[in-house]
Amino acid sequence: MRIEQIQKALEAAYQLSNHHEYVIAGSLSVLGAIEESPELMSMSTDIDFFPLQDPGRASEIANVLGEGSEFHIRNGYYLDAISPDLPTLPNEWESRLVKHVLNGITTYFLDVNDTAISKYTRGAENDFRWIEAGYNANILRIDVIESRMRFMTDFFDLSEKHNAFSRFHMHQRAMLPSGVLDNNLLNFLHKNKLEDGIKEIDAEHGSYEGKILWASDLFIVQSLGRGKSAIHDSSKLDVVPAAESHARFNYIDGQLEVTPAQQNGLSLDS
């Protein structure tokens, strides 16, 4: 998707509603930050939108320009109505909207780091692809996302908050010094559906014991039981524990000490 296609859709929306200000959220918000975005971030054919001054009319517009409409059939993309209250977003997201004027249509794109938080909350497969492409292209800021999640976001409930942070910790732990993500680690986590059980590591005084699920020269994935997992940095270890072994990871003042542990029955499905 290109920004010119969003312009065309919103021009059609203007002809229907006489509204000339719109908010674009979802995956295509990336086009507000960078016009030539990674394909995995802008491949969506549905444009999440609402009129800025009258969000309630979004559904009325989408009835004419939405999925399955003549506009969709003719152009291959469509407008998808959303409510500003629908996605979980950090407070003050409105103040961070990115403004573009497209042939007389004023378009406000959601800040990409705010979009990432809504995607961490939803946690679908395509959300992970979008987020990971954003980190690898240096479009998303992991420090900004963490700060807004911790201090500015009112989650629906504790379960939503736990899952969102677990998914965030997955990427935080998978981040290499170069700023890109370790694909081998992420492939293992996604394949085994471990995204919702990643525990935040206490690198000062944490202690973690359990079965090694996966290991490389860079990372170790450890089962903690009850569907929880920990991701450890193995790059500075003299000996990396083998998969299927059991180990105890002790963090003492930022230093990691690994010792063997007796088998306790923990497994991938624990």
C-alpha atoms as a PDB file:
ATOM      1  CA  MET A   1       0.000   0.000   0.000  1.00  0.00           C
ATOM      2  CA  ARG A   2       1.152   3.532  -0.775  1.00  0.00           C
ATOM      3  CA  ILE A   3       0.119   6.844   0.713  1.00  0.00           C
ATOM      4  CA  GLU A   4      -1.409   7.862  -2.642  1.00  0.00           C
ATOM      5  CA  GLN A   5      -3.854   4.970  -2.350  1.00  0.00           C
ATOM      6  CA  ILE A   6      -4.931   6.131   1.094  1.00  0.00           C
ATOM      7  CA  GLN A   7      -5.427   9.592  -0.393  1.00  0.00           C
ATOM      8  CA  LYS A   8      -7.686   8.166  -3.102  1.00  0.00           C
ATOM      9  CA  ALA A   9      -9.798   6.284  -0.553  1.00  0.00           C
ATOM     10  CA  LEU A  10     -10.173   9.347   1.661  1.00  0.00           C
ATOM     11  CA  GLU A  11     -11.076  11.557  -1.284  1.00  0.00           C
ATOM     12  CA  ALA A  12     -13.923   9.121  -1.956  1.00  0.00           C
ATOM     13  CA  ALA A  13     -14.872   9.300   1.743  1.00  0.00           C
ATOM     14  CA  TYR A  14     -14.952  13.092   1.506  1.00  0.00           C
ATOM     15  CA  GLN A  15     -17.332  12.924  -1.468  1.00  0.00           C
ATOM     16  CA  LEU A  16     -19.678  10.802   0.639  1.00  0.00           C
ATOM     17  CA  SER A  17     -19.479  12.611   3.965  1.00  0.00           C
ATOM     18  CA  ASN A  18     -18.034  16.075   3.353  1.00  0.00           C
ATOM     19  CA  HIS A  19     -15.490  15.359   6.104  1.00  0.00           C
ATOM     20  CA  HIS A  20     -11.937  16.343   5.198  1.00  0.00           C
ATOM     21  CA  GLU A  21     -10.061  15.219   8.337  1.00  0.00           C
ATOM     22  CA  TYR A  22      -9.379  11.536   9.014  1.00  0.00           C
ATOM     23  CA  VAL A  23      -7.345   9.400  11.390  1.00  0.00           C
ATOM     24  CA  ILE A  24      -5.471   6.358  10.049  1.00  0.00           C
ATOM     25  CA  ALA A  25      -4.608   3.636  12.558  1.00  0.00           C
ATOM     26  CA  GLY A  26      -3.482   0.017  12.315  1.00  0.00           C
ATOM     27  CA  SER A  27      -0.683  -1.307  10.126  1.00  0.00           C
ATOM     28  CA  LEU A  28      -0.868   1.474   7.554  1.00  0.00           C
ATOM     29  CA  SER A  29      -0.108   4.125  10.151  1.00  0.00           C
ATOM     30  CA  VAL A  30       3.508   3.390   9.234  1.00  0.00           C
ATOM     31  CA  LEU A  31       2.993   5.425   6.053  1.00  0.00           C
ATOM     32  CA  GLY A  32       2.741   8.529   8.192  1.00  0.00           C
ATOM     33  CA  ALA A  33       6.265   7.940   9.470  1.00  0.00           C
ATOM     34  CA  ILE A  34       7.994   6.643   6.345  1.00  0.00           C
ATOM     35  CA  GLU A  35       6.592   6.601   2.838  1.00  0.00           C
ATOM     36  CA  GLU A  36       8.759   3.728   1.589  1.00  0.00           C
ATOM     37  CA  SER A  37       8.081   1.319   4.423  1.00  0.00           C
ATOM     38  CA  PRO A  38       8.996  -2.377   4.651  1.00  0.00           C
ATOM     39  CA  GLU A  39       6.513  -4.538   2.757  1.00  0.00           C
ATOM     40  CA  LEU A  40       5.604  -6.495   5.901  1.00  0.00           C
ATOM     41  CA  MET A  41       4.441  -3.255   7.507  1.00  0.00           C
ATOM     42  CA  SER A  42       2.370  -1.835   4.638  1.00  0.00           C
ATOM     43  CA  MET A  43       0.994  -4.886   2.830  1.00  0.00           C
ATOM     44  CA  SER A  44      -2.468  -4.557   4.383  1.00  0.00           C
ATOM     45  CA  THR A  45      -5.335  -3.845   1.994  1.00  0.00           C
ATOM     46  CA  ASP A  46      -7.727  -2.577   4.682  1.00  0.00           C
ATOM     47  CA  ILE A  47      -7.321   1.028   5.805  1.00  0.00           C
ATOM     48  CA  ASP A  48      -8.346   1.413   9.460  1.00  0.00           C
ATOM     49  CA  PHE A  49      -9.881   4.882   9.688  1.00  0.00           C
ATOM     50  CA  PHE A  50     -12.427   7.231  11.237  1.00  0.00           C
ATOM     51  CA  PRO A  51     -13.400  10.863  10.557  1.00  0.00           C
ATOM     52  CA  LEU A  52     -11.637  13.015  13.142  1.00  0.00           C
ATOM     53  CA  GLN A  53     -14.635  15.220  13.937  1.00  0.00           C
ATOM     54  CA  ASP A  54     -17.320  12.542  13.682  1.00  0.00           C
ATOM     55  CA  PRO A  55     -15.931   9.029  14.386  1.00  0.00           C
ATOM     56  CA  GLY A  56     -19.435   7.586  14.426  1.00  0.00           C
ATOM     57  CA  ARG A  57     -19.785   8.080  10.659  1.00  0.00           C
ATOM     58  CA  ALA A  58     -16.935   5.674   9.896  1.00  0.00           C
ATOM     59  CA  SER A  59     -19.283   2.706   9.559  1.00  0.00           C
ATOM     60  CA  GLU A  60     -21.600   4.624   7.237  1.00  0.00           C
ATOM     61  CA  ILE A  61     -18.642   5.455   4.967  1.00  0.00           C
ATOM     62  CA  ALA A  62     -17.308   1.898   5.107  1.00  0.00           C
ATOM     63  CA  ASN A  63     -20.704   0.558   4.012  1.00  0.00           C
ATOM     64  CA  VAL A  64     -19.997   2.191   0.650  1.00  0.00           C
ATOM     65  CA  LEU A  65     -16.190   1.998   0.488  1.00  0.00           C
ATOM     66  CA  GLY A  66     -15.525  -1.061   2.631  1.00  0.00           C
ATOM     67  CA  GLU A  67     -14.765  -4.719   2.054  1.00  0.00           C
ATOM     68  CA  GLY A  68     -16.636  -6.176  -0.913  1.00  0.00           C
ATOM     69  CA  SER A  69     -17.707  -2.753  -2.159  1.00  0.00           C
ATOM     70  CA  GLU A  70     -17.394  -1.575  -5.753  1.00  0.00           C
ATOM     71  CA  PHE A  71     -14.492   0.610  -4.604  1.00  0.00           C
ATOM     72  CA  HIS A  72     -12.747  -2.456  -3.138  1.00  0.00           C
ATOM     73  CA  ILE A  73     -13.305  -4.569  -6.238  1.00  0.00           C
ATOM     74  CA  ARG A  74     -12.055  -1.806  -8.518  1.00  0.00           C
ATOM     75  CA  ASN A  75      -8.983  -0.794  -6.491  1.00  0.00           C
ATOM     76  CA  GLY A  76      -7.997  -3.857  -4.451  1.00  0.00           C
ATOM     77  CA  TYR A  77      -8.118  -2.061  -1.095  1.00  0.00           C
ATOM     78  CA  TYR A  78     -10.846  -0.601   1.100  1.00  0.00           C
ATOM     79  CA  LEU A  79     -11.725   1.493   4.140  1.00  0.00           C
ATOM     80  CA  ASP A  80     -12.282  -0.372   7.400  1.00  0.00           C
ATOM     81  CA  ALA A  81     -14.196   1.546  10.077  1.00  0.00           C
ATOM     82  CA  ILE A  82     -12.780   1.626  13.598  1.00  0.00           C
ATOM     83  CA  SER A  83     -13.630   3.513  16.763  1.00  0.00           C
ATOM     84  CA  PRO A  84     -11.017   5.665  18.529  1.00  0.00           C
ATOM     85  CA  ASP A  85     -11.940   3.696  21.663  1.00  0.00           C
ATOM     86  CA  LEU A  86     -11.358   0.287  20.059  1.00  0.00           C
ATOM     87  CA  PRO A  87      -7.567  -0.278  20.190  1.00  0.00           C
ATOM     88  CA  THR A  88      -5.649  -0.181  23.456  1.00  0.00           C
ATOM     89  CA  LEU A  89      -3.480   2.917  23.135  1.00  0.00           C
ATOM     90  CA  PRO A  90      -1.278   4.920  25.520  1.00  0.00           C
ATOM     91  CA  ASN A  91      -2.655   8.128  26.966  1.00  0.00           C
ATOM     92  CA  GLU A  92      -2.237  11.310  24.923  1.00  0.00           C
ATOM     93  CA  TRP A  93      -2.001   9.388  21.640  1.00  0.00           C
ATOM     94  CA  GLU A  94      -3.941  12.206  19.973  1.00  0.00           C
ATOM     95  CA  SER A  95      -1.080  14.651  20.647  1.00  0.00           C
ATOM     96  CA  ARG A  96       1.337  12.396  18.726  1.00  0.00           C
ATOM     97  CA  LEU A  97      -0.658  12.000  15.519  1.00  0.00           C
ATOM     98  CA  VAL A  98       1.422  12.591  12.379  1.00  0.00           C
ATOM     99  CA  LYS A  99      -0.253  15.100  10.073  1.00  0.00           C
ATOM    100  CA  HIS A 100      -0.214  14.872   6.272  1.00  0.00           C
ATOM    101  CA  VAL A 101      -2.260  17.012   3.899  1.00  0.00           C
ATOM    102  CA  LEU A 102      -3.166  14.907   0.866  1.00  0.00           C
ATOM    103  CA  ASN A 103      -4.723  16.982  -1.908  1.00  0.00           C
ATOM    104  CA  GLY A 104      -6.876  18.926   0.518  1.00  0.00           C
ATOM    105  CA  ILE A 105      -7.627  15.948   2.770  1.00  0.00           C
ATOM    106  CA  THR A 106      -5.985  16.274   6.181  1.00  0.00           C
ATOM    107  CA  THR A 107      -4.853  12.857   7.353  1.00  0.00           C
ATOM    108  CA  TYR A 108      -3.589  12.097  10.840  1.00  0.00           C
ATOM    109  CA  PHE A 109      -1.582   8.895  11.110  1.00  0.00           C
ATOM    110  CA  LEU A 110      -1.245   7.169  14.457  1.00  0.00           C
ATOM    111  CA  ASP A 111       2.309   7.306  15.804  1.00  0.00           C
ATOM    112  CA  VAL A 112       3.964   3.985  14.958  1.00  0.00           C
ATOM    113  CA  ASN A 113       5.108   3.326  18.532  1.00  0.00           C
ATOM    114  CA  ASP A 114       1.521   3.787  19.737  1.00  0.00           C
ATOM    115  CA  THR A 115       0.379   1.402  16.997  1.00  0.00           C
ATOM    116  CA  ALA A 116       2.905  -1.161  18.245  1.00  0.00           C
ATOM    117  CA  ILE A 117       1.323  -1.088  21.708  1.00  0.00           C
ATOM    118  CA  SER A 118      -2.107  -1.816  20.248  1.00  0.00           C
ATOM    119  CA  LYS A 119      -0.549  -4.704  18.330  1.00  0.00           C
ATOM    120  CA  TYR A 120       1.182  -6.082  21.417  1.00  0.00           C
ATOM    121  CA  THR A 121      -2.235  -6.043  23.067  1.00  0.00           C
ATOM    122  CA  ARG A 122      -3.885  -7.969  20.223  1.00  0.00           C
ATOM    123  CA  GLY A 123      -0.988 -10.356  19.603  1.00  0.00           C
ATOM    124  CA  ALA A 124      -2.015 -11.884  16.277  1.00  0.00           C
ATOM    125  CA  GLU A 125       0.526 -13.460  13.930  1.00  0.00           C
ATOM    126  CA  ASN A 126       0.410 -10.517  11.527  1.00  0.00           C
ATOM    127  CA  ASP A 127       0.916  -8.132  14.461  1.00  0.00           C
ATOM    128  CA  PHE A 128       4.207  -9.854  15.326  1.00  0.00           C
ATOM    129  CA  ARG A 129       5.335  -9.652  11.702  1.00  0.00           C
ATOM    130  CA  TRP A 130       4.589  -5.913  11.619  1.00  0.00           C
ATOM    131  CA  ILE A 131       6.370  -5.208  14.897  1.00  0.00           C
ATOM    132  CA  GLU A 132       9.415  -7.301  14.014  1.00  0.00           C
ATOM    133  CA  ALA A 133       9.750  -5.624  10.619  1.00  0.00           C
ATOM    134  CA  GLY A 134       9.529  -2.264  12.401  1.00  0.00           C
ATOM    135  CA  TYR A 135      12.360  -3.069  14.784  1.00  0.00           C
ATOM    136  CA  ASN A 136      14.552  -4.536  12.052  1.00  0.00           C
ATOM    137  CA  ALA A 137      14.069  -1.409   9.915  1.00  0.00           C
ATOM    138  CA  ASN A 138      14.779   0.889  12.886  1.00  0.00           C
ATOM    139  CA  ILE A 139      11.313   2.434  12.592  1.00  0.00           C
ATOM    140  CA  LEU A 140      10.080   1.395  16.044  1.00  0.00           C
ATOM    141  CA  ARG A 141      11.765   2.490  19.284  1.00  0.00           C
ATOM    142  CA  ILE A 142      11.767  -0.257  21.890  1.00  0.00           C
ATOM    143  CA  ASP A 143      12.652   2.157  24.708  1.00  0.00           C
ATOM    144  CA  VAL A 144       9.775   4.491  23.782  1.00  0.00           C
ATOM    145  CA  ILE A 145       7.330   1.589  23.560  1.00  0.00           C
ATOM    146  CA  GLU A 146       8.373   0.248  26.956  1.00  0.00           C
ATOM    147  CA  SER A 147       7.986   3.637  28.631  1.00  0.00           C
ATOM    148  CA  ARG A 148       4.538   4.238  27.149  1.00  0.00           C
ATOM    149  CA  MET A 149       3.375   0.725  28.046  1.00  0.00           C
ATOM    150  CA  ARG A 150       4.538   1.038  31.655  1.00  0.00           C
ATOM    151  CA  PHE A 151       3.516   4.589  32.461  1.00  0.00           C
ATOM    152  CA  MET A 152       0.906   5.734  29.956  1.00  0.00           C
ATOM    153  CA  THR A 153      -1.295   2.770  28.992  1.00  0.00           C
ATOM    154  CA  ASP A 154      -4.511   1.822  30.762  1.00  0.00           C
ATOM    155  CA  PHE A 155      -5.057  -1.808  29.840  1.00  0.00           C
ATOM    156  CA  PHE A 156      -8.522  -3.333  29.849  1.00  0.00           C
ATOM    157  CA  ASP A 157      -7.619  -5.796  32.611  1.00  0.00           C
ATOM    158  CA  LEU A 158      -4.652  -7.582  34.195  1.00  0.00           C
ATOM    159  CA  SER A 159      -4.797 -10.417  31.666  1.00  0.00           C
ATOM    160  CA  GLU A 160      -4.507  -8.026  28.728  1.00  0.00           C
ATOM    161  CA  LYS A 161      -1.635  -6.227  30.453  1.00  0.00           C
ATOM    162  CA  HIS A 162       0.200  -9.460  31.253  1.00  0.00           C
ATOM    163  CA  ASN A 163      -0.057 -10.770  27.699  1.00  0.00           C
ATOM    164  CA  ALA A 164       1.009  -7.460  26.147  1.00  0.00           C
ATOM    165  CA  PHE A 165       4.094  -7.246  28.355  1.00  0.00           C
ATOM    166  CA  SER A 166       4.962 -10.880  27.754  1.00  0.00           C
ATOM    167  CA  ARG A 167       4.980 -10.270  23.997  1.00  0.00           C
ATOM    168  CA  PHE A 168       7.015  -7.118  24.504  1.00  0.00           C
ATOM    169  CA  HIS A 169       9.574  -8.950  26.672  1.00  0.00           C
ATOM    170  CA  MET A 170       9.937 -11.531  23.894  1.00  0.00           C
ATOM    171  CA  HIS A 171      11.212  -8.845  21.536  1.00  0.00           C
ATOM    172  CA  GLN A 172      13.171  -7.042  24.220  1.00  0.00           C
ATOM    173  CA  ARG A 173      15.108 -10.207  25.024  1.00  0.00           C
ATOM    174  CA  ALA A 174      15.554 -11.083  21.329  1.00  0.00           C
ATOM    175  CA  MET A 175      17.136  -7.718  20.503  1.00  0.00           C
ATOM    176  CA  LEU A 176      20.755  -7.974  19.386  1.00  0.00           C
ATOM    177  CA  PRO A 177      23.355  -5.242  20.112  1.00  0.00           C
ATOM    178  CA  SER A 178      23.040  -4.206  16.458  1.00  0.00           C
ATOM    179  CA  GLY A 179      19.411  -3.277  17.061  1.00  0.00           C
ATOM    180  CA  VAL A 180      17.874  -6.083  14.990  1.00  0.00           C
ATOM    181  CA  LEU A 181      16.067  -9.151  16.283  1.00  0.00           C
ATOM    182  CA  ASP A 182      17.420 -12.687  16.391  1.00  0.00           C
ATOM    183  CA  ASN A 183      15.258 -14.550  13.870  1.00  0.00           C
ATOM    184  CA  ASN A 184      16.306 -18.027  15.024  1.00  0.00           C
ATOM    185  CA  LEU A 185      15.067 -17.308  18.535  1.00  0.00           C
ATOM    186  CA  LEU A 186      11.820 -15.744  17.321  1.00  0.00           C
ATOM    187  CA  ASN A 187      11.139 -18.608  14.913  1.00  0.00           C
ATOM    188  CA  PHE A 188      11.363 -21.056  17.824  1.00  0.00           C
ATOM    189  CA  LEU A 189       9.113 -18.964  20.064  1.00  0.00           C
ATOM    190  CA  HIS A 190       6.472 -18.435  17.365  1.00  0.00           C
ATOM    191  CA  LYS A 191       6.539 -22.073  16.239  1.00  0.00           C
ATOM    192  CA  ASN A 192       5.862 -23.235  19.794  1.00  0.00           C
ATOM    193  CA  LYS A 193       3.344 -20.469  20.609  1.00  0.00           C
ATOM    194  CA  LEU A 194       5.333 -19.207  23.591  1.00  0.00           C
ATOM    195  CA  GLU A 195       4.662 -15.495  23.059  1.00  0.00           C
ATOM    196  CA  ASP A 196       2.179 -15.090  25.910  1.00  0.00           C
ATOM    197  CA  GLY A 197       4.347 -16.647  28.613  1.00  0.00           C
ATOM    198  CA  ILE A 198       7.662 -14.782  28.440  1.00  0.00           C
ATOM    199  CA  LYS A 199       8.742 -13.664  31.898  1.00  0.00           C
ATOM    200  CA  GLU A 200      10.594 -10.414  32.509  1.00  0.00           C
ATOM    201  CA  ILE A 201      14.129 -11.151  33.706  1.00  0.00           C
ATOM    202  CA  ASP A 202      15.395  -9.633  36.950  1.00  0.00           C
ATOM    203  CA  ALA A 203      19.043  -9.252  35.944  1.00  0.00           C
ATOM    204  CA  GLU A 204      20.072  -8.156  39.448  1.00  0.00           C
ATOM    205  CA  HIS A 205      18.622 -10.750  41.784  1.00  0.00           C
ATOM    206  CA  GLY A 206      16.512 -13.148  39.719  1.00  0.00           C
ATOM    207  CA  SER A 207      16.633 -16.930  39.991  1.00  0.00           C
ATOM    208  CA  TYR A 208      15.125 -19.258  37.370  1.00  0.00           C
ATOM    209  CA  GLU A 209      15.079 -23.035  37.309  1.00  0.00           C
ATOM    210  CA  GLY A 210      13.740 -25.426  34.708  1.00  0.00           C
ATOM    211  CA  LYS A 211      14.210 -27.371  31.527  1.00  0.00           C
ATOM    212  CA  ILE A 212      16.140 -25.929  28.591  1.00  0.00           C
ATOM    213  CA  LEU A 213      13.807 -25.872  25.588  1.00  0.00           C
ATOM    214  CA  TRP A 214      16.183 -24.353  23.037  1.00  0.00           C
ATOM    215  CA  ALA A 215      19.727 -23.016  23.048  1.00  0.00           C
ATOM    216  CA  SER A 216      22.151 -21.226  20.760  1.00  0.00           C
ATOM    217  CA  ASP A 217      25.394 -19.318  21.186  1.00  0.00           C
ATOM    218  CA  LEU A 218      23.305 -16.195  21.772  1.00  0.00           C
ATOM    219  CA  PHE A 219      20.139 -17.191  23.625  1.00  0.00           C
ATOM    220  CA  ILE A 220      18.592 -19.861  25.819  1.00  0.00           C
ATOM    221  CA  VAL A 221      14.862 -20.507  26.204  1.00  0.00           C
ATOM    222  CA  GLN A 222      13.965 -22.106  29.516  1.00  0.00           C
ATOM    223  CA  SER A 223      10.642 -23.511  30.685  1.00  0.00           C
ATOM    224  CA  LEU A 224       9.577 -22.279  34.114  1.00  0.00           C
ATOM    225  CA  GLY A 225       6.419 -24.386  34.233  1.00  0.00           C
ATOM    226  CA  ARG A 226       2.761 -23.297  34.130  1.00  0.00           C
ATOM    227  CA  GLY A 227       3.198 -22.010  30.591  1.00  0.00           C
ATOM    228  CA  LYS A 228       5.937 -19.554  31.561  1.00  0.00           C
ATOM    229  CA  SER A 229       9.321 -19.249  29.876  1.00  0.00           C
ATOM    230  CA  ALA A 230      12.484 -17.238  30.369  1.00  0.00           C
ATOM    231  CA  ILE A 231      14.939 -16.065  27.735  1.00  0.00           C
ATOM    232  CA  HIS A 232      18.567 -15.823  28.830  1.00  0.00           C
ATOM    233  CA  ASP A 233      21.616 -14.315  27.133  1.00  0.00           C
ATOM    234  CA  SER A 234      24.098 -17.134  26.524  1.00  0.00           C
ATOM    235  CA  SER A 235      26.682 -15.084  24.616  1.00  0.00           C
ATOM    236  CA  LYS A 236      28.971 -14.682  27.647  1.00  0.00           C
ATOM    237  CA  LEU A 237      28.657 -18.206  29.035  1.00  0.00           C
ATOM    238  CA  ASP A 238      31.677 -20.496  28.856  1.00  0.00           C
ATOM    239  CA  VAL A 239      29.383 -23.510  28.555  1.00  0.00           C
ATOM    240  CA  VAL A 240      25.860 -23.309  27.139  1.00  0.00           C
ATOM    241  CA  PRO A 241      23.450 -25.811  28.746  1.00  0.00           C
ATOM    242  CA  ALA A 242      22.123 -28.310  26.239  1.00  0.00           C
ATOM    243  CA  ALA A 243      18.495 -28.538  25.205  1.00  0.00           C
ATOM    244  CA  GLU A 244      16.514 -30.991  27.351  1.00  0.00           C
ATOM    245  CA  SER A 245      18.866 -30.500  30.310  1.00  0.00           C
ATOM    246  CA  HIS A 246      17.759 -28.790  33.524  1.00  0.00           C
ATOM    247  CA  ALA A 247      19.547 -25.779  34.899  1.00  0.00           C
ATOM    248  CA  ARG A 248      19.319 -22.994  37.458  1.00  0.00           C
ATOM    249  CA  PHE A 249      20.068 -19.429  36.335  1.00  0.00           C
ATOM    250  CA  ASN A 250      21.043 -17.069  39.130  1.00  0.00           C
ATOM    251  CA  TYR A 251      21.515 -13.350  38.498  1.00  0.00           C
ATOM    252  CA  ILE A 252      23.711 -11.715  41.120  1.00  0.00           C
ATOM    253  CA  ASP A 253      24.331  -7.977  40.733  1.00  0.00           C
ATOM    254  CA  GLY A 254      23.955  -8.274  36.987  1.00  0.00           C
ATOM    255  CA  GLN A 255      26.181 -11.335  36.637  1.00  0.00           C
ATOM    256  CA  LEU A 256      24.741 -14.658  35.492  1.00  0.00           C
ATOM    257  CA  GLU A 257      25.681 -17.934  37.118  1.00  0.00           C
ATOM    258  CA  VAL A 258      24.383 -21.216  35.670  1.00  0.00           C
ATOM    259  CA  THR A 259      24.362 -24.490  37.598  1.00  0.00           C
ATOM    260  CA  PRO A 260      22.819 -27.894  36.834  1.00  0.00           C
ATOM    261  CA  ALA A 261      19.459 -28.640  38.426  1.00  0.00           C
ATOM    262  CA  GLN A 262      17.682 -31.913  39.085  1.00  0.00           C
ATOM    263  CA  GLN A 263      14.978 -32.886  36.640  1.00  0.00           C
ATOM    264  CA  ASN A 264      11.653 -31.672  37.981  1.00  0.00           C
ATOM    265  CA  GLY A 265       9.230 -32.689  35.274  1.00  0.00           C
ATOM    266  CA  LEU A 266       8.920 -29.319  33.589  1.00  0.00           C
ATOM    267  CA  SER A 267       8.280 -29.474  29.870  1.00  0.00           C
ATOM    268  CA  LEU A 268       7.186 -27.381  26.929  1.00  0.00           C
ATOM    269  CA  ASP A 269       3.567 -28.013  27.842  1.00  0.00           C
ATOM    270  CA  SER A 270       3.967 -27.373  31.564  1.00  0.00           C
END
